[in-house]
C-alpha atoms as a PDB file:
ATOM      1  CA  MET A   1      95.183  89.807  83.923  1.00  0.00           C
ATOM      2  CA  PHE A   2      95.737  90.316  87.647  1.00  0.00           C
ATOM      3  CA  GLN A   3      94.042  93.007  89.760  1.00  0.00           C
ATOM      4  CA  THR A   4      94.832  93.826  93.389  1.00  0.00           C
ATOM      5  CA  ALA A   5      92.111  94.443  95.964  1.00  0.00           C
ATOM      6  CA  LEU A   6      93.384  97.985  96.624  1.00  0.00           C
ATOM      7  CA  ILE A   7      93.248 101.216  94.707  1.00  0.00           C
ATOM      8  CA  GLU A   8      96.599 102.562  95.861  1.00  0.00           C
ATOM      9  CA  SER A   9     100.075 102.909  94.440  1.00  0.00           C
ATOM     10  CA  LEU A  10     102.435  99.980  93.924  1.00  0.00           C
ATOM     11  CA  GLU A  11     105.928 101.187  94.766  1.00  0.00           C
ATOM     12  CA  THR A  12     107.927  97.969  94.983  1.00  0.00           C
ATOM     13  CA  ALA A  13     109.428  95.695  92.384  1.00  0.00           C
ATOM     14  CA  PRO A  14     107.942  92.190  92.281  1.00  0.00           C
ATOM     15  CA  LEU A  15     110.069  89.273  93.427  1.00  0.00           C
ATOM     16  CA  ILE A  16     109.960  86.094  91.331  1.00  0.00           C
ATOM     17  CA  VAL A  17     110.949  82.752  92.865  1.00  0.00           C
ATOM     18  CA  ASP A  18     110.445  79.439  91.006  1.00  0.00           C
ATOM     19  CA  GLY A  19     107.839  80.924  88.662  1.00  0.00           C
ATOM     20  CA  VAL A  20     105.810  82.595  91.406  1.00  0.00           C
ATOM     21  CA  MET A  21     105.642  86.386  91.486  1.00  0.00           C
ATOM     22  CA  PHE A  22     105.273  87.988  94.915  1.00  0.00           C
ATOM     23  CA  LEU A  23     103.800  91.486  94.899  1.00  0.00           C
ATOM     24  CA  THR A  24     103.255  93.826  97.785  1.00  0.00           C
ATOM     25  CA  THR A  25     100.806  96.701  97.842  1.00  0.00           C
ATOM     26  CA  SER A  26      99.980  99.546 100.159  1.00  0.00           C
ATOM     27  CA  TYR A  27      98.833  98.626 103.662  1.00  0.00           C
ATOM     28  CA  ASN A  28     101.030  95.502 103.735  1.00  0.00           C
ATOM     29  CA  HIS A  29      99.172  93.173 101.410  1.00  0.00           C
ATOM     30  CA  VAL A  30     101.190  90.360  99.792  1.00  0.00           C
ATOM     31  CA  TYR A  31     100.049  88.459  96.703  1.00  0.00           C
ATOM     32  CA  ALA A  32     101.482  85.257  95.226  1.00  0.00           C
ATOM     33  CA  ILE A  33     100.617  84.913  91.545  1.00  0.00           C
ATOM     34  CA  ASP A  34     101.688  82.694  88.669  1.00  0.00           C
ATOM     35  CA  ALA A  35     104.294  84.738  86.805  1.00  0.00           C
ATOM     36  CA  VAL A  36     103.098  83.441  83.419  1.00  0.00           C
ATOM     37  CA  THR A  37      99.310  83.316  83.702  1.00  0.00           C
ATOM     38  CA  GLY A  38      98.604  85.912  86.401  1.00  0.00           C
ATOM     39  CA  GLN A  39      96.521  83.406  88.391  1.00  0.00           C
ATOM     40  CA  GLU A  40      96.404  84.339  92.081  1.00  0.00           C
ATOM     41  CA  TYR A  41      97.621  81.580  94.433  1.00  0.00           C
ATOM     42  CA  TRP A  42      97.070  83.431  97.676  1.00  0.00           C
ATOM     43  CA  HIS A  43      96.670  86.878  99.269  1.00  0.00           C
ATOM     44  CA  TYR A  44      97.873  87.942 102.722  1.00  0.00           C
ATOM     45  CA  LYS A  45      96.622  91.064 104.499  1.00  0.00           C
ATOM     46  CA  HIS A  46      98.468  92.222 107.598  1.00  0.00           C
ATOM     47  CA  ASN A  47      96.160  93.399 110.392  1.00  0.00           C
ATOM     48  CA  MET A  48      97.692  96.627 111.620  1.00  0.00           C
ATOM     49  CA  GLY A  49      97.261  98.074 115.071  1.00  0.00           C
ATOM     50  CA  PRO A  50      94.629 100.763 115.719  1.00  0.00           C
ATOM     51  CA  VAL A  51      97.121 103.631 115.452  1.00  0.00           C
ATOM     52  CA  THR A  52      99.631 103.495 112.618  1.00  0.00           C
ATOM     53  CA  VAL A  53     101.597 106.607 111.706  1.00  0.00           C
ATOM     54  CA  TYR A  54     103.635 106.740 108.515  1.00  0.00           C
ATOM     55  CA  CYS A  55     105.378 109.680 106.938  1.00  0.00           C
ATOM     56  CA  CYS A  56     105.044 109.190 103.207  1.00  0.00           C
ATOM     57  CA  GLY A  57     101.959 107.134 102.493  1.00  0.00           C
ATOM     58  CA  PRO A  58     100.968 103.557 103.321  1.00  0.00           C
ATOM     59  CA  ASN A  59     103.651 101.957 101.142  1.00  0.00           C
ATOM     60  CA  ASN A  60     105.961  99.151 102.158  1.00  0.00           C
ATOM     61  CA  ARG A  61     109.302  98.032 100.728  1.00  0.00           C
ATOM     62  CA  GLY A  62     108.410  94.586  99.458  1.00  0.00           C
ATOM     63  CA  VAL A  63     109.363  91.123 100.628  1.00  0.00           C
ATOM     64  CA  ALA A  64     112.598  89.193 100.942  1.00  0.00           C
ATOM     65  CA  ALA A  65     112.781  85.449 100.277  1.00  0.00           C
ATOM     66  CA  SER A  66     114.954  82.763 101.844  1.00  0.00           C
ATOM     67  CA  ASP A  67     114.552  78.978 102.254  1.00  0.00           C
ATOM     68  CA  GLY A  68     110.892  78.889 101.233  1.00  0.00           C
ATOM     69  CA  MET A  69     109.914  81.822 103.435  1.00  0.00           C
ATOM     70  CA  LEU A  70     108.939  85.434 102.708  1.00  0.00           C
ATOM     71  CA  TYR A  71     109.765  88.235 105.121  1.00  0.00           C
ATOM     72  CA  MET A  72     108.070  91.626 105.230  1.00  0.00           C
ATOM     73  CA  GLY A  73     108.563  94.603 107.517  1.00  0.00           C
ATOM     74  CA  THR A  74     105.194  96.232 108.152  1.00  0.00           C
ATOM     75  CA  LEU A  75     104.006  99.808 108.532  1.00  0.00           C
ATOM     76  CA  ASP A  76     103.351  99.211 112.232  1.00  0.00           C
ATOM     77  CA  ALA A  77     106.935  98.025 112.864  1.00  0.00           C
ATOM     78  CA  LYS A  78     106.418  94.280 112.858  1.00  0.00           C
ATOM     79  CA  LEU A  79     108.237  91.513 111.011  1.00  0.00           C
ATOM     80  CA  VAL A  80     106.010  88.987 109.252  1.00  0.00           C
ATOM     81  CA  ALA A  81     107.318  85.593 108.095  1.00  0.00           C
ATOM     82  CA  LEU A  82     105.146  83.697 105.610  1.00  0.00           C
ATOM     83  CA  ASN A  83     105.532  80.292 104.006  1.00  0.00           C
ATOM     84  CA  ALA A  84     105.928  81.175 100.305  1.00  0.00           C
ATOM     85  CA  LYS A  85     103.768  78.233  99.169  1.00  0.00           C
ATOM     86  CA  THR A  86     100.970  78.246 101.730  1.00  0.00           C
ATOM     87  CA  ARG A  87     100.886  81.809 103.145  1.00  0.00           C
ATOM     88  CA  GLN A  88     100.976  80.372 106.654  1.00  0.00           C
ATOM     89  CA  GLY A  89     102.871  82.443 109.198  1.00  0.00           C
ATOM     90  CA  SER A  90     105.562  80.626 111.102  1.00  0.00           C
ATOM     91  CA  LEU A  91     106.852  83.152 113.600  1.00  0.00           C
ATOM     92  CA  GLY A  92     103.813  85.283 114.190  1.00  0.00           C
ATOM     93  CA  ASP A  93     104.191  89.035 113.983  1.00  0.00           C
ATOM     94  CA  ARG A  94     107.323  90.275 115.727  1.00  0.00           C
ATOM     95  CA  ASN A  95     107.676  93.810 116.984  1.00  0.00           C
ATOM     96  CA  CYS A  96     110.647  95.509 115.300  1.00  0.00           C
ATOM     97  CA  ARG A  97     110.857  98.557 117.538  1.00  0.00           C
ATOM     98  CA  SER A  98     113.994  98.928 119.576  1.00  0.00           C
END
């Protein structure tokens, strides 16, 4: 059984790639877990800026996957790119504000 580190709502559908389930939680946490056993491979926590304003709670919209990378838009308007196997960031946090 898998348990997140947060007591908040989970409002996104998990994404499964090659037997690994990627979950996102409130406050821009990402978990990689074994889709069969529930074993946690890694956990990423985005460090948000000191002032973050959101309209409808601290929920995000999940991750997208492409070519071994995961992409997540954050509550503080950044784009995070993570290696799906290692959790390492490759681009750093990019500001998404126009």
